[in-house]
Amino acid sequence: MSQEQDELSNAVEAVHDEESFLQFLLALRDDREASITQEKMTPSSPYGPAARGWENATIERFLDTAVRWARDSVNGNPFYERPDNPWRRCADILFAAIGYE
């Protein structure tokens, strides 16, 4: 995992209330902006994710993917245990939408 991914992962791990969720949203925004900048300098293969693992580059695709992942993980799965905290669940949904196909 890269340092950038660690920072975003740490931001999602820290979510426990509204303010920490908002801080996560800012970190998510910063990560997306950094991905766009990196893609302009060094484009990724069209057959894989963009810089920083972003699979879903439009807001429409990102939100659609977030909903699909949320529905697929509503009861958890072998790699994800659904948290009791709704702020953390929301952060997990958005974080997963970065790379979920």
PDB file of N, CA and C in Angstrom:
ATOM      1  N   MET A   1       0.850  -1.182   0.000  1.00  0.00           N
ATOM      2  CA  MET A   1       0.000   0.000   0.000  1.00  0.00           C
ATOM      3  C   MET A   1       0.892   1.240   0.000  1.00  0.00           C
ATOM      4  N   SER A   2       0.577   2.184  -0.873  1.00  0.00           N
ATOM      5  CA  SER A   2       1.372   3.406  -0.968  1.00  0.00           C
ATOM      6  C   SER A   2       1.087   4.335   0.207  1.00  0.00           C
ATOM      7  N   GLN A   3       1.947   5.318   0.378  1.00  0.00           N
ATOM      8  CA  GLN A   3       1.753   6.298   1.451  1.00  0.00           C
ATOM      9  C   GLN A   3       0.425   7.022   1.272  1.00  0.00           C
ATOM     10  N   GLU A   4       0.075   7.352   0.019  1.00  0.00           N
ATOM     11  CA  GLU A   4      -1.183   8.042  -0.248  1.00  0.00           C
ATOM     12  C   GLU A   4      -2.375   7.177   0.143  1.00  0.00           C
ATOM     13  N   GLN A   5      -2.297   5.894  -0.191  1.00  0.00           N
ATOM     14  CA  GLN A   5      -3.382   4.988   0.178  1.00  0.00           C
ATOM     15  C   GLN A   5      -3.459   4.832   1.689  1.00  0.00           C
ATOM     16  N   ASP A   6      -2.304   4.826   2.346  1.00  0.00           N
ATOM     17  CA  ASP A   6      -2.276   4.758   3.808  1.00  0.00           C
ATOM     18  C   ASP A   6      -2.988   5.961   4.414  1.00  0.00           C
ATOM     19  N   GLU A   7      -2.727   7.152   3.866  1.00  0.00           N
ATOM     20  CA  GLU A   7      -3.346   8.360   4.404  1.00  0.00           C
ATOM     21  C   GLU A   7      -4.863   8.304   4.268  1.00  0.00           C
ATOM     22  N   LEU A   8      -5.350   7.894   3.130  1.00  0.00           N
ATOM     23  CA  LEU A   8      -6.792   7.802   2.932  1.00  0.00           C
ATOM     24  C   LEU A   8      -7.384   6.676   3.780  1.00  0.00           C
ATOM     25  N   SER A   9      -6.686   5.574   3.862  1.00  0.00           N
ATOM     26  CA  SER A   9      -7.135   4.466   4.703  1.00  0.00           C
ATOM     27  C   SER A   9      -7.189   4.895   6.173  1.00  0.00           C
ATOM     28  N   ASN A  10      -6.199   5.647   6.617  1.00  0.00           N
ATOM     29  CA  ASN A  10      -6.197   6.161   7.993  1.00  0.00           C
ATOM     30  C   ASN A  10      -7.375   7.108   8.217  1.00  0.00           C
ATOM     31  N   ALA A  11      -7.689   7.921   7.210  1.00  0.00           N
ATOM     32  CA  ALA A  11      -8.821   8.846   7.336  1.00  0.00           C
ATOM     33  C   ALA A  11     -10.130   8.089   7.490  1.00  0.00           C
ATOM     34  N   VAL A  12     -10.313   7.014   6.731  1.00  0.00           N
ATOM     35  CA  VAL A  12     -11.552   6.237   6.857  1.00  0.00           C
ATOM     36  C   VAL A  12     -11.589   5.512   8.207  1.00  0.00           C
ATOM     37  N   GLU A  13     -10.439   5.029   8.657  1.00  0.00           N
ATOM     38  CA  GLU A  13     -10.375   4.341   9.956  1.00  0.00           C
ATOM     39  C   GLU A  13     -10.721   5.271  11.114  1.00  0.00           C
ATOM     40  N   ALA A  14     -10.463   6.563  10.947  1.00  0.00           N
ATOM     41  CA  ALA A  14     -10.695   7.541  12.018  1.00  0.00           C
ATOM     42  C   ALA A  14     -12.152   7.999  12.110  1.00  0.00           C
ATOM     43  N   VAL A  15     -12.983   7.618  11.164  1.00  0.00           N
ATOM     44  CA  VAL A  15     -14.368   8.101  11.154  1.00  0.00           C
ATOM     45  C   VAL A  15     -15.157   7.479  12.303  1.00  0.00           C
ATOM     46  N   HIS A  16     -15.759   8.366  13.110  1.00  0.00           N
ATOM     47  CA  HIS A  16     -16.593   7.912  14.217  1.00  0.00           C
ATOM     48  C   HIS A  16     -17.775   8.853  14.486  1.00  0.00           C
ATOM     49  N   ASP A  17     -17.753  10.028  13.879  1.00  0.00           N
ATOM     50  CA  ASP A  17     -18.835  10.995  14.073  1.00  0.00           C
ATOM     51  C   ASP A  17     -18.923  11.895  12.840  1.00  0.00           C
ATOM     52  N   GLU A  18     -19.810  12.862  12.881  1.00  0.00           N
ATOM     53  CA  GLU A  18     -20.008  13.723  11.711  1.00  0.00           C
ATOM     54  C   GLU A  18     -18.740  14.483  11.326  1.00  0.00           C
ATOM     55  N   GLU A  19     -18.059  15.056  12.281  1.00  0.00           N
ATOM     56  CA  GLU A  19     -16.861  15.841  11.961  1.00  0.00           C
ATOM     57  C   GLU A  19     -15.760  14.971  11.354  1.00  0.00           C
ATOM     58  N   SER A  20     -15.543  13.797  11.907  1.00  0.00           N
ATOM     59  CA  SER A  20     -14.503  12.930  11.331  1.00  0.00           C
ATOM     60  C   SER A  20     -14.923  12.415   9.956  1.00  0.00           C
ATOM     61  N   PHE A  21     -16.234  12.271   9.719  1.00  0.00           N
ATOM     62  CA  PHE A  21     -16.719  11.914   8.380  1.00  0.00           C
ATOM     63  C   PHE A  21     -16.425  13.043   7.401  1.00  0.00           C
ATOM     64  N   LEU A  22     -16.647  14.280   7.818  1.00  0.00           N
ATOM     65  CA  LEU A  22     -16.350  15.426   6.952  1.00  0.00           C
ATOM     66  C   LEU A  22     -14.856  15.516   6.652  1.00  0.00           C
ATOM     67  N   GLN A  23     -14.025  15.206   7.628  1.00  0.00           N
ATOM     68  CA  GLN A  23     -12.576  15.183   7.401  1.00  0.00           C
ATOM     69  C   GLN A  23     -12.213  14.090   6.391  1.00  0.00           C
ATOM     70  N   PHE A  24     -12.886  12.953   6.486  1.00  0.00           N
ATOM     71  CA  PHE A  24     -12.676  11.892   5.500  1.00  0.00           C
ATOM     72  C   PHE A  24     -13.076  12.362   4.104  1.00  0.00           C
ATOM     73  N   LEU A  25     -14.210  13.066   3.985  1.00  0.00           N
ATOM     74  CA  LEU A  25     -14.629  13.575   2.678  1.00  0.00           C
ATOM     75  C   LEU A  25     -13.580  14.512   2.089  1.00  0.00           C
ATOM     76  N   LEU A  26     -12.982  15.337   2.911  1.00  0.00           N
ATOM     77  CA  LEU A  26     -11.916  16.221   2.425  1.00  0.00           C
ATOM     78  C   LEU A  26     -10.706  15.414   1.956  1.00  0.00           C
ATOM     79  N   ALA A  27     -10.362  14.378   2.697  1.00  0.00           N
ATOM     80  CA  ALA A  27      -9.242  13.517   2.297  1.00  0.00           C
ATOM     81  C   ALA A  27      -9.559  12.786   0.994  1.00  0.00           C
ATOM     82  N   LEU A  28     -10.804  12.356   0.838  1.00  0.00           N
ATOM     83  CA  LEU A  28     -11.242  11.687  -0.387  1.00  0.00           C
ATOM     84  C   LEU A  28     -11.143  12.653  -1.570  1.00  0.00           C
ATOM     85  N   ARG A  29     -11.600  13.874  -1.375  1.00  0.00           N
ATOM     86  CA  ARG A  29     -11.485  14.897  -2.411  1.00  0.00           C
ATOM     87  C   ARG A  29     -10.034  15.136  -2.790  1.00  0.00           C
ATOM     88  N   ASP A  30      -9.166  15.279  -1.784  1.00  0.00           N
ATOM     89  CA  ASP A  30      -7.749  15.516  -2.044  1.00  0.00           C
ATOM     90  C   ASP A  30      -7.131  14.356  -2.822  1.00  0.00           C
ATOM     91  N   ASP A  31      -7.532  13.136  -2.476  1.00  0.00           N
ATOM     92  CA  ASP A  31      -7.001  11.966  -3.160  1.00  0.00           C
ATOM     93  C   ASP A  31      -7.447  11.948  -4.626  1.00  0.00           C
ATOM     94  N   ARG A  32      -8.690  12.285  -4.867  1.00  0.00           N
ATOM     95  CA  ARG A  32      -9.190  12.324  -6.251  1.00  0.00           C
ATOM     96  C   ARG A  32      -8.479  13.415  -7.053  1.00  0.00           C
ATOM     97  N   GLU A  33      -8.308  14.581  -6.452  1.00  0.00           N
ATOM     98  CA  GLU A  33      -7.597  15.659  -7.139  1.00  0.00           C
ATOM     99  C   GLU A  33      -6.157  15.255  -7.458  1.00  0.00           C
ATOM    100  N   ALA A  34      -5.511  14.568  -6.542  1.00  0.00           N
ATOM    101  CA  ALA A  34      -4.144  14.098  -6.778  1.00  0.00           C
ATOM    102  C   ALA A  34      -4.122  13.058  -7.900  1.00  0.00           C
ATOM    103  N   SER A  35      -5.128  12.212  -7.950  1.00  0.00           N
ATOM    104  CA  SER A  35      -5.229  11.224  -9.030  1.00  0.00           C
ATOM    105  C   SER A  35      -5.347  11.917 -10.383  1.00  0.00           C
ATOM    106  N   ILE A  36      -6.179  12.923 -10.456  1.00  0.00           N
ATOM    107  CA  ILE A  36      -6.363  13.674 -11.710  1.00  0.00           C
ATOM    108  C   ILE A  36      -5.043  14.315 -12.140  1.00  0.00           C
ATOM    109  N   THR A  37      -4.340  14.917 -11.196  1.00  0.00           N
ATOM    110  CA  THR A  37      -3.060  15.552 -11.494  1.00  0.00           C
ATOM    111  C   THR A  37      -2.045  14.530 -11.992  1.00  0.00           C
ATOM    112  N   GLN A  38      -1.958  13.385 -11.319  1.00  0.00           N
ATOM    113  CA  GLN A  38      -1.025  12.338 -11.733  1.00  0.00           C
ATOM    114  C   GLN A  38      -1.374  11.802 -13.117  1.00  0.00           C
ATOM    115  N   GLU A  39      -2.655  11.661 -13.394  1.00  0.00           N
ATOM    116  CA  GLU A  39      -3.093  11.163 -14.699  1.00  0.00           C
ATOM    117  C   GLU A  39      -2.718  12.130 -15.821  1.00  0.00           C
ATOM    118  N   LYS A  40      -2.768  13.417 -15.548  1.00  0.00           N
ATOM    119  CA  LYS A  40      -2.382  14.409 -16.555  1.00  0.00           C
ATOM    120  C   LYS A  40      -0.893  14.306 -16.875  1.00  0.00           C
ATOM    121  N   MET A  41      -0.082  14.038 -15.856  1.00  0.00           N
ATOM    122  CA  MET A  41       1.366  13.958 -16.059  1.00  0.00           C
ATOM    123  C   MET A  41       1.775  12.608 -16.649  1.00  0.00           C
ATOM    124  N   THR A  42       1.185  11.540 -16.139  1.00  0.00           N
ATOM    125  CA  THR A  42       1.531  10.191 -16.574  1.00  0.00           C
ATOM    126  C   THR A  42       0.254   9.361 -16.653  1.00  0.00           C
ATOM    127  N   PRO A  43      -0.383   9.336 -17.814  1.00  0.00           N
ATOM    128  CA  PRO A  43      -1.638   8.582 -17.938  1.00  0.00           C
ATOM    129  C   PRO A  43      -1.451   7.083 -17.674  1.00  0.00           C
ATOM    130  N   SER A  44      -2.430   6.499 -17.017  1.00  0.00           N
ATOM    131  CA  SER A  44      -2.435   5.064 -16.753  1.00  0.00           C
ATOM    132  C   SER A  44      -2.959   4.330 -17.978  1.00  0.00           C
ATOM    133  N   SER A  45      -2.784   3.039 -17.958  1.00  0.00           N
ATOM    134  CA  SER A  45      -3.335   2.194 -19.019  1.00  0.00           C
ATOM    135  C   SER A  45      -4.852   2.326 -19.026  1.00  0.00           C
ATOM    136  N   PRO A  46      -5.472   2.346 -20.209  1.00  0.00           N
ATOM    137  CA  PRO A  46      -6.933   2.408 -20.253  1.00  0.00           C
ATOM    138  C   PRO A  46      -7.592   1.107 -19.779  1.00  0.00           C
ATOM    139  N   TYR A  47      -6.792   0.079 -19.537  1.00  0.00           N
ATOM    140  CA  TYR A  47      -7.321  -1.222 -19.134  1.00  0.00           C
ATOM    141  C   TYR A  47      -7.222  -1.477 -17.632  1.00  0.00           C
ATOM    142  N   GLY A  48      -6.837  -0.473 -16.891  1.00  0.00           N
ATOM    143  CA  GLY A  48      -6.713  -0.632 -15.453  1.00  0.00           C
ATOM    144  C   GLY A  48      -7.150   0.635 -14.747  1.00  0.00           C
ATOM    145  N   PRO A  49      -6.989   0.662 -13.437  1.00  0.00           N
ATOM    146  CA  PRO A  49      -7.398   1.844 -12.686  1.00  0.00           C
ATOM    147  C   PRO A  49      -6.515   3.045 -12.971  1.00  0.00           C
ATOM    148  N   ALA A  50      -7.052   4.211 -12.695  1.00  0.00           N
ATOM    149  CA  ALA A  50      -6.281   5.454 -12.801  1.00  0.00           C
ATOM    150  C   ALA A  50      -5.331   5.534 -11.611  1.00  0.00           C
ATOM    151  N   ALA A  51      -4.573   6.600 -11.559  1.00  0.00           N
ATOM    152  CA  ALA A  51      -3.644   6.810 -10.451  1.00  0.00           C
ATOM    153  C   ALA A  51      -4.385   6.701  -9.116  1.00  0.00           C
ATOM    154  N   ARG A  52      -3.677   6.163  -8.141  1.00  0.00           N
ATOM    155  CA  ARG A  52      -4.195   5.995  -6.779  1.00  0.00           C
ATOM    156  C   ARG A  52      -5.345   5.006  -6.699  1.00  0.00           C
ATOM    157  N   GLY A  53      -5.516   4.184  -7.744  1.00  0.00           N
ATOM    158  CA  GLY A  53      -6.521   3.115  -7.706  1.00  0.00           C
ATOM    159  C   GLY A  53      -7.926   3.511  -8.077  1.00  0.00           C
ATOM    160  N   TRP A  54      -8.113   4.711  -8.597  1.00  0.00           N
ATOM    161  CA  TRP A  54      -9.463   5.171  -8.934  1.00  0.00           C
ATOM    162  C   TRP A  54      -9.976   4.455 -10.183  1.00  0.00           C
ATOM    163  N   GLU A  55     -10.955   3.570 -10.001  1.00  0.00           N
ATOM    164  CA  GLU A  55     -11.613   2.861 -11.103  1.00  0.00           C
ATOM    165  C   GLU A  55     -12.766   3.684 -11.665  1.00  0.00           C
ATOM    166  N   ASN A  56     -13.375   4.489 -10.841  1.00  0.00           N
ATOM    167  CA  ASN A  56     -14.620   5.172 -11.192  1.00  0.00           C
ATOM    168  C   ASN A  56     -14.377   6.674 -11.245  1.00  0.00           C
ATOM    169  N   ALA A  57     -14.140   7.165 -12.455  1.00  0.00           N
ATOM    170  CA  ALA A  57     -13.632   8.516 -12.639  1.00  0.00           C
ATOM    171  C   ALA A  57     -14.707   9.588 -12.786  1.00  0.00           C
ATOM    172  N   THR A  58     -15.957   9.208 -12.970  1.00  0.00           N
ATOM    173  CA  THR A  58     -17.015  10.210 -13.036  1.00  0.00           C
ATOM    174  C   THR A  58     -17.861  10.116 -11.777  1.00  0.00           C
ATOM    175  N   ILE A  59     -18.511  11.206 -11.426  1.00  0.00           N
ATOM    176  CA  ILE A  59     -19.352  11.189 -10.229  1.00  0.00           C
ATOM    177  C   ILE A  59     -20.496  10.191 -10.382  1.00  0.00           C
ATOM    178  N   GLU A  60     -21.029  10.080 -11.597  1.00  0.00           N
ATOM    179  CA  GLU A  60     -22.128   9.145 -11.832  1.00  0.00           C
ATOM    180  C   GLU A  60     -21.684   7.708 -11.590  1.00  0.00           C
ATOM    181  N   ARG A  61     -20.539   7.364 -12.142  1.00  0.00           N
ATOM    182  CA  ARG A  61     -20.033   5.999 -11.984  1.00  0.00           C
ATOM    183  C   ARG A  61     -19.616   5.735 -10.537  1.00  0.00           C
ATOM    184  N   PHE A  62     -18.999   6.733  -9.911  1.00  0.00           N
ATOM    185  CA  PHE A  62     -18.584   6.597  -8.519  1.00  0.00           C
ATOM    186  C   PHE A  62     -19.785   6.336  -7.611  1.00  0.00           C
ATOM    187  N   LEU A  63     -20.841   7.128  -7.775  1.00  0.00           N
ATOM    188  CA  LEU A  63     -22.022   6.963  -6.913  1.00  0.00           C
ATOM    189  C   LEU A  63     -22.751   5.664  -7.207  1.00  0.00           C
ATOM    190  N   ASP A  64     -22.845   5.286  -8.478  1.00  0.00           N
ATOM    191  CA  ASP A  64     -23.467   4.015  -8.827  1.00  0.00           C
ATOM    192  C   ASP A  64     -22.701   2.857  -8.190  1.00  0.00           C
ATOM    193  N   THR A  65     -21.390   2.923  -8.261  1.00  0.00           N
ATOM    194  CA  THR A  65     -20.557   1.877  -7.678  1.00  0.00           C
ATOM    195  C   THR A  65     -20.695   1.853  -6.162  1.00  0.00           C
ATOM    196  N   ALA A  66     -20.783   3.018  -5.542  1.00  0.00           N
ATOM    197  CA  ALA A  66     -20.970   3.089  -4.088  1.00  0.00           C
ATOM    198  C   ALA A  66     -22.259   2.373  -3.683  1.00  0.00           C
ATOM    199  N   VAL A  67     -23.315   2.603  -4.424  1.00  0.00           N
ATOM    200  CA  VAL A  67     -24.597   1.951  -4.119  1.00  0.00           C
ATOM    201  C   VAL A  67     -24.483   0.439  -4.318  1.00  0.00           C
ATOM    202  N   ARG A  68     -23.857   0.016  -5.409  1.00  0.00           N
ATOM    203  CA  ARG A  68     -23.713  -1.426  -5.659  1.00  0.00           C
ATOM    204  C   ARG A  68     -22.894  -2.093  -4.560  1.00  0.00           C
ATOM    205  N   TRP A  69     -21.780  -1.456  -4.159  1.00  0.00           N
ATOM    206  CA  TRP A  69     -20.962  -2.036  -3.099  1.00  0.00           C
ATOM    207  C   TRP A  69     -21.737  -2.083  -1.779  1.00  0.00           C
ATOM    208  N   ALA A  70     -22.461  -1.011  -1.478  1.00  0.00           N
ATOM    209  CA  ALA A  70     -23.237  -0.974  -0.231  1.00  0.00           C
ATOM    210  C   ALA A  70     -24.256  -2.109  -0.201  1.00  0.00           C
ATOM    211  N   ARG A  71     -24.932  -2.314  -1.300  1.00  0.00           N
ATOM    212  CA  ARG A  71     -25.923  -3.400  -1.355  1.00  0.00           C
ATOM    213  C   ARG A  71     -25.252  -4.766  -1.265  1.00  0.00           C
ATOM    214  N   ASP A  72     -24.110  -4.905  -1.904  1.00  0.00           N
ATOM    215  CA  ASP A  72     -23.396  -6.185  -1.864  1.00  0.00           C
ATOM    216  C   ASP A  72     -22.837  -6.498  -0.479  1.00  0.00           C
ATOM    217  N   SER A  73     -22.606  -5.477   0.332  1.00  0.00           N
ATOM    218  CA  SER A  73     -21.990  -5.683   1.639  1.00  0.00           C
ATOM    219  C   SER A  73     -22.932  -5.385   2.799  1.00  0.00           C
ATOM    220  N   VAL A  74     -24.218  -5.285   2.529  1.00  0.00           N
ATOM    221  CA  VAL A  74     -25.181  -4.906   3.574  1.00  0.00           C
ATOM    222  C   VAL A  74     -25.101  -5.847   4.789  1.00  0.00           C
ATOM    223  N   ASN A  75     -24.813  -7.103   4.557  1.00  0.00           N
ATOM    224  CA  ASN A  75     -24.681  -8.057   5.652  1.00  0.00           C
ATOM    225  C   ASN A  75     -23.230  -8.432   5.905  1.00  0.00           C
ATOM    226  N   GLY A  76     -22.318  -7.617   5.382  1.00  0.00           N
ATOM    227  CA  GLY A  76     -20.899  -7.926   5.488  1.00  0.00           C
ATOM    228  C   GLY A  76     -20.519  -8.920   4.396  1.00  0.00           C
ATOM    229  N   ASN A  77     -19.270  -9.296   4.371  1.00  0.00           N
ATOM    230  CA  ASN A  77     -18.787 -10.330   3.465  1.00  0.00           C
ATOM    231  C   ASN A  77     -17.486 -10.864   4.044  1.00  0.00           C
ATOM    232  N   PRO A  78     -16.852 -11.834   3.401  1.00  0.00           N
ATOM    233  CA  PRO A  78     -15.639 -12.405   4.005  1.00  0.00           C
ATOM    234  C   PRO A  78     -14.514 -11.397   4.244  1.00  0.00           C
ATOM    235  N   PHE A  79     -14.526 -10.277   3.518  1.00  0.00           N
ATOM    236  CA  PHE A  79     -13.444  -9.305   3.644  1.00  0.00           C
ATOM    237  C   PHE A  79     -13.888  -8.009   4.330  1.00  0.00           C
ATOM    238  N   TYR A  80     -15.130  -7.956   4.773  1.00  0.00           N
ATOM    239  CA  TYR A  80     -15.655  -6.719   5.353  1.00  0.00           C
ATOM    240  C   TYR A  80     -16.666  -7.036   6.436  1.00  0.00           C
ATOM    241  N   GLU A  81     -16.434  -6.467   7.610  1.00  0.00           N
ATOM    242  CA  GLU A  81     -17.386  -6.580   8.704  1.00  0.00           C
ATOM    243  C   GLU A  81     -18.087  -5.237   8.856  1.00  0.00           C
ATOM    244  N   ARG A  82     -19.384  -5.239   8.669  1.00  0.00           N
ATOM    245  CA  ARG A  82     -20.155  -4.001   8.723  1.00  0.00           C
ATOM    246  C   ARG A  82     -20.074  -3.382  10.120  1.00  0.00           C
ATOM    247  N   PRO A  83     -19.669  -2.111  10.203  1.00  0.00           N
ATOM    248  CA  PRO A  83     -19.587  -1.461  11.512  1.00  0.00           C
ATOM    249  C   PRO A  83     -20.973  -1.054  12.030  1.00  0.00           C
ATOM    250  N   ASP A  84     -21.080  -0.904  13.326  1.00  0.00           N
ATOM    251  CA  ASP A  84     -22.329  -0.434  13.925  1.00  0.00           C
ATOM    252  C   ASP A  84     -22.508   1.071  13.749  1.00  0.00           C
ATOM    253  N   ASN A  85     -21.404   1.795  13.639  1.00  0.00           N
ATOM    254  CA  ASN A  85     -21.446   3.242  13.526  1.00  0.00           C
ATOM    255  C   ASN A  85     -21.860   3.653  12.108  1.00  0.00           C
ATOM    256  N   PRO A  86     -22.981   4.372  11.955  1.00  0.00           N
ATOM    257  CA  PRO A  86     -23.440   4.746  10.604  1.00  0.00           C
ATOM    258  C   PRO A  86     -22.505   5.709   9.884  1.00  0.00           C
ATOM    259  N   TRP A  87     -21.772   6.552  10.601  1.00  0.00           N
ATOM    260  CA  TRP A  87     -20.808   7.459   9.957  1.00  0.00           C
ATOM    261  C   TRP A  87     -19.688   6.646   9.327  1.00  0.00           C
ATOM    262  N   ARG A  88     -19.220   5.654  10.044  1.00  0.00           N
ATOM    263  CA  ARG A  88     -18.156   4.794   9.526  1.00  0.00           C
ATOM    264  C   ARG A  88     -18.671   3.975   8.336  1.00  0.00           C
ATOM    265  N   ARG A  89     -19.901   3.487   8.419  1.00  0.00           N
ATOM    266  CA  ARG A  89     -20.469   2.734   7.300  1.00  0.00           C
ATOM    267  C   ARG A  89     -20.505   3.602   6.041  1.00  0.00           C
ATOM    268  N   CYS A  90     -20.922   4.856   6.176  1.00  0.00           N
ATOM    269  CA  CYS A  90     -20.952   5.766   5.029  1.00  0.00           C
ATOM    270  C   CYS A  90     -19.550   5.973   4.464  1.00  0.00           C
ATOM    271  N   ALA A  91     -18.570   6.148   5.328  1.00  0.00           N
ATOM    272  CA  ALA A  91     -17.189   6.319   4.866  1.00  0.00           C
ATOM    273  C   ALA A  91     -16.705   5.059   4.156  1.00  0.00           C
ATOM    274  N   ASP A  92     -17.028   3.897   4.701  1.00  0.00           N
ATOM    275  CA  ASP A  92     -16.629   2.637   4.064  1.00  0.00           C
ATOM    276  C   ASP A  92     -17.221   2.514   2.666  1.00  0.00           C
ATOM    277  N   ILE A  93     -18.474   2.897   2.514  1.00  0.00           N
ATOM    278  CA  ILE A  93     -19.144   2.824   1.213  1.00  0.00           C
ATOM    279  C   ILE A  93     -18.417   3.689   0.190  1.00  0.00           C
ATOM    280  N   LEU A  94     -18.113   4.920   0.559  1.00  0.00           N
ATOM    281  CA  LEU A  94     -17.439   5.822  -0.375  1.00  0.00           C
ATOM    282  C   LEU A  94     -16.001   5.382  -0.650  1.00  0.00           C
ATOM    283  N   PHE A  95     -15.325   4.914   0.365  1.00  0.00           N
ATOM    284  CA  PHE A  95     -13.950   4.448   0.195  1.00  0.00           C
ATOM    285  C   PHE A  95     -13.916   3.246  -0.750  1.00  0.00           C
ATOM    286  N   ALA A  96     -14.844   2.336  -0.595  1.00  0.00           N
ATOM    287  CA  ALA A  96     -14.878   1.139  -1.442  1.00  0.00           C
ATOM    288  C   ALA A  96     -15.173   1.495  -2.900  1.00  0.00           C
ATOM    289  N   ALA A  97     -15.940   2.549  -3.111  1.00  0.00           N
ATOM    290  CA  ALA A  97     -16.327   2.919  -4.473  1.00  0.00           C
ATOM    291  C   ALA A  97     -15.149   3.390  -5.319  1.00  0.00           C
ATOM    292  N   ILE A  98     -14.037   3.687  -4.698  1.00  0.00           N
ATOM    293  CA  ILE A  98     -12.854   4.100  -5.455  1.00  0.00           C
ATOM    294  C   ILE A  98     -12.420   2.988  -6.408  1.00  0.00           C
ATOM    295  N   GLY A  99     -12.384   1.780  -5.905  1.00  0.00           N
ATOM    296  CA  GLY A  99     -11.828   0.689  -6.699  1.00  0.00           C
ATOM    297  C   GLY A  99     -12.760  -0.463  -7.012  1.00  0.00           C
ATOM    298  N   TYR A 100     -13.994  -0.408  -6.523  1.00  0.00           N
ATOM    299  CA  TYR A 100     -14.941  -1.490  -6.766  1.00  0.00           C
ATOM    300  C   TYR A 100     -15.428  -1.419  -8.205  1.00  0.00           C
ATOM    301  N   GLU A 101     -15.535  -2.564  -8.839  1.00  0.00           N
ATOM    302  CA  GLU A 101     -15.987  -2.561 -10.245  1.00  0.00           C
ATOM    303  C   GLU A 101     -17.382  -3.103 -10.353  1.00  0.00           C
TER     304      GLU A 101
END
